Amino acid sequence: KFRVPNRRRNSVAKFGAFSRLLHTAIHETKAQDSTSLRSSTTLPSITESTMAPQTQQKKPGKAQKQTKKFIINAQQPASDKIFDVSAFEKFLQDRIKVEGRTNNLGDNVVIQQAGEGKIEIIAHNDLSGRYLKYLTKKFLKKQQLRDWLRVVSTSRGVYELKFFNVVNDEADDDDE
């Protein structure tokens, strides 16, 4: 067998008892120095008057939850009668999770129709716009409308369902 030599064992083997004696002597002097420092040095007592004043730090608690308002605008597909707004509203009420559970909206989340083809979501807890976009895409996929419609954020908290721009290749072929 090939064995890598242990350097420490080799150094002890070379010097033997002398290195062990030297090693114990060094550690004994270090121990004596530390105990003599402790006994000879007395620290002055610290009183409250000599201490720096302590400031009370605020504990990082939960911040107050802000009310967020989201609008999903589906006027264009609703006017073409390919998108059912009331079915989408029911889908959102069934699928939005509050504290990790569906059907737990309570007073935290209010979903209502606001005009023709618009749905308004008012959340008094942490609800992300990306989550609403995800659920909207999921509904479109379920209704097989994902190939025709896309979800676009037009401004902060406002999502709009728009048709894809479809280029008609047959019309180009007829012109030639």
Protein backbone atom coordinates (compact mmCIF):
# COMPACT_ATOMS: atom_id res chain seq x y z
CA LYS A 1 0.00 0.00 0.00
CA PHE A 2 1.08 3.52 -0.74
CA ARG A 3 0.78 5.76 2.30
CA VAL A 4 1.30 9.49 2.49
CA PRO A 5 3.63 10.26 5.38
CA ASN A 6 2.21 12.36 8.18
CA ARG A 7 4.45 15.41 8.58
CA ARG A 8 3.63 15.85 12.24
CA ARG A 9 4.50 12.27 13.05
CA ASN A 10 7.79 12.63 11.19
CA SER A 11 8.74 15.80 13.06
CA VAL A 12 7.95 14.17 16.40
CA ALA A 13 9.93 11.13 15.39
CA LYS A 14 12.96 13.28 14.54
CA PHE A 15 13.02 15.25 17.75
CA GLY A 16 11.20 12.83 20.03
CA ALA A 17 11.07 13.68 23.71
CA PHE A 18 12.68 17.10 23.28
CA SER A 19 9.84 18.44 21.10
CA ARG A 20 7.22 17.11 23.51
CA LEU A 21 9.00 18.76 26.45
CA LEU A 22 9.26 22.05 24.57
CA HIS A 23 5.59 21.89 23.60
CA THR A 24 4.40 21.40 27.21
CA ALA A 25 6.69 24.17 28.48
CA ILE A 26 5.27 26.68 26.00
CA HIS A 27 1.67 25.86 26.91
CA GLU A 28 2.38 26.08 30.66
CA THR A 29 3.89 29.56 30.35
CA LYS A 30 0.94 30.76 28.28
CA ALA A 31 -1.48 29.47 30.92
CA GLN A 32 0.48 31.17 33.75
CA ASP A 33 0.60 34.49 31.87
CA SER A 34 -3.14 34.52 31.30
CA THR A 35 -3.95 33.75 34.98
CA SER A 36 -1.50 36.38 36.25
CA LEU A 37 -3.06 38.98 33.96
CA ARG A 38 -6.50 38.20 35.29
CA SER A 39 -5.50 38.47 38.94
CA SER A 40 -3.27 41.55 38.67
CA THR A 41 -5.53 43.64 36.47
CA THR A 42 -8.71 44.88 38.07
CA LEU A 43 -11.22 46.58 35.90
CA PRO A 44 -13.05 49.59 37.26
CA SER A 45 -16.67 48.91 38.01
CA ILE A 46 -19.06 50.09 35.38
CA THR A 47 -22.01 52.04 36.65
CA GLU A 48 -25.05 53.19 34.77
CA SER A 49 -23.84 56.79 34.90
CA THR A 50 -20.66 55.91 32.95
CA MET A 51 -22.46 53.81 30.37
CA ALA A 52 -23.62 55.25 27.07
CA PRO A 53 -27.35 55.82 26.91
CA GLN A 54 -29.19 53.08 25.12
CA THR A 55 -31.69 53.96 22.45
CA GLN A 56 -34.75 51.82 22.13
CA GLN A 57 -34.92 50.29 18.71
CA LYS A 58 -38.24 49.63 17.08
CA LYS A 59 -38.87 46.00 16.46
CA PRO A 60 -39.43 45.25 12.81
CA GLY A 61 -43.08 44.30 12.95
CA LYS A 62 -45.53 43.81 10.16
CA ALA A 63 -46.23 46.99 8.29
CA GLN A 64 -49.79 48.03 7.76
CA LYS A 65 -51.18 46.42 4.66
CA GLN A 66 -52.12 48.83 1.96
CA THR A 67 -55.23 48.62 -0.11
CA LYS A 68 -54.43 47.75 -3.71
CA LYS A 69 -56.79 48.21 -6.61
CA PHE A 70 -56.46 46.24 -9.83
CA ILE A 71 -58.53 46.51 -12.98
CA ILE A 72 -58.68 43.85 -15.68
CA ASN A 73 -60.07 45.40 -18.83
CA ALA A 74 -61.63 42.93 -21.27
CA GLN A 75 -63.86 45.34 -23.20
CA GLN A 76 -62.50 44.48 -26.64
CA PRO A 77 -63.03 40.68 -26.50
CA ALA A 78 -66.27 41.09 -24.51
CA SER A 79 -67.75 43.35 -27.18
CA ASP A 80 -66.87 40.68 -29.79
CA LYS A 81 -68.69 38.16 -27.56
CA ILE A 82 -65.80 35.71 -27.34
CA PHE A 83 -65.04 36.44 -23.67
CA ASP A 84 -67.52 35.87 -20.83
CA VAL A 85 -66.80 38.44 -18.12
CA SER A 86 -69.13 36.92 -15.51
CA ALA A 87 -67.49 33.49 -15.92
CA PHE A 88 -64.09 35.14 -15.51
CA GLU A 89 -65.27 36.90 -12.35
CA LYS A 90 -66.47 33.59 -10.89
CA PHE A 91 -63.16 31.96 -11.89
CA LEU A 92 -61.23 34.64 -10.00
CA GLN A 93 -63.45 34.26 -6.92
CA ASP A 94 -62.86 30.51 -6.92
CA ARG A 95 -59.13 30.61 -7.64
CA ILE A 96 -57.60 33.58 -5.80
CA LYS A 97 -55.73 32.35 -2.76
CA VAL A 98 -55.67 34.31 0.48
CA GLU A 99 -53.20 33.04 3.09
CA GLY A 100 -52.57 29.95 0.98
CA ARG A 101 -56.21 28.85 0.68
CA THR A 102 -58.80 29.21 -2.04
CA ASN A 103 -62.36 30.31 -1.19
CA ASN A 104 -60.90 32.37 1.65
CA LEU A 105 -61.52 35.85 0.26
CA GLY A 106 -63.62 37.21 3.11
CA ASP A 107 -63.28 40.96 3.46
CA ASN A 108 -59.66 40.90 2.28
CA VAL A 109 -60.38 40.71 -1.45
CA VAL A 110 -63.41 42.16 -3.25
CA ILE A 111 -64.05 41.22 -6.89
CA GLN A 112 -66.74 43.03 -8.84
CA GLN A 113 -67.63 44.09 -12.36
CA ALA A 114 -66.95 47.74 -13.04
CA GLY A 115 -68.69 48.66 -16.24
CA GLU A 116 -68.96 46.61 -19.39
CA GLY A 117 -66.06 44.21 -19.73
CA LYS A 118 -64.10 45.47 -16.72
CA ILE A 119 -63.39 43.62 -13.51
CA GLU A 120 -62.19 45.48 -10.43
CA ILE A 121 -60.23 43.69 -7.70
CA ILE A 122 -59.72 45.52 -4.41
CA ALA A 123 -57.28 43.79 -2.05
CA HIS A 124 -56.66 44.75 1.56
CA ASN A 125 -53.78 42.28 1.83
CA ASP A 126 -50.70 41.37 -0.19
CA LEU A 127 -51.96 40.53 -3.66
CA SER A 128 -49.66 40.81 -6.61
CA GLY A 129 -50.56 41.96 -10.07
CA ARG A 130 -48.41 39.20 -11.49
CA TYR A 131 -50.65 36.69 -9.71
CA LEU A 132 -53.73 38.20 -11.35
CA LYS A 133 -51.99 38.10 -14.72
CA TYR A 134 -51.15 34.44 -14.11
CA LEU A 135 -54.77 33.62 -13.25
CA THR A 136 -56.02 35.53 -16.30
CA LYS A 137 -53.69 33.54 -18.55
CA LYS A 138 -54.89 30.34 -16.89
CA PHE A 139 -58.51 31.26 -17.62
CA LEU A 140 -57.68 32.08 -21.24
CA LYS A 141 -55.95 28.72 -21.64
CA LYS A 142 -58.92 26.92 -20.12
CA GLN A 143 -61.28 28.69 -22.55
CA GLN A 144 -58.87 28.04 -25.46
CA LEU A 145 -58.47 31.76 -26.08
CA ARG A 146 -54.76 31.95 -25.27
CA ASP A 147 -53.85 31.79 -28.98
CA TRP A 148 -55.96 34.87 -29.72
CA LEU A 149 -55.69 37.07 -26.64
CA ARG A 150 -52.81 38.35 -24.55
CA VAL A 151 -52.64 40.11 -21.20
CA VAL A 152 -50.89 43.48 -21.31
CA SER A 153 -50.24 45.87 -18.45
CA THR A 154 -51.24 49.31 -19.71
CA SER A 155 -50.50 51.15 -16.46
CA ARG A 156 -49.86 50.35 -12.83
CA GLY A 157 -52.56 48.00 -11.58
CA VAL A 158 -54.38 47.90 -14.93
CA TYR A 159 -54.29 44.84 -17.18
CA GLU A 160 -55.91 44.74 -20.58
CA LEU A 161 -56.84 41.81 -22.79
CA LYS A 162 -55.77 42.53 -26.36
CA PHE A 163 -55.92 40.55 -29.55
CA PHE A 164 -52.68 39.40 -31.11
CA ASN A 165 -51.78 41.24 -34.31
CA VAL A 166 -52.36 38.52 -36.91
CA VAL A 167 -50.79 39.13 -40.30
CA ASN A 168 -52.94 37.69 -43.05
CA ASP A 169 -50.57 35.82 -45.41
CA GLU A 170 -53.37 34.84 -47.81
CA ALA A 171 -54.12 38.49 -48.60
CA ASP A 172 -50.46 39.05 -49.47
CA ASP A 173 -50.50 36.03 -51.81
CA ASP A 174 -53.62 37.29 -53.62
CA ASP A 175 -51.98 40.66 -54.38
CA GLU A 176 -49.12 39.05 -56.28
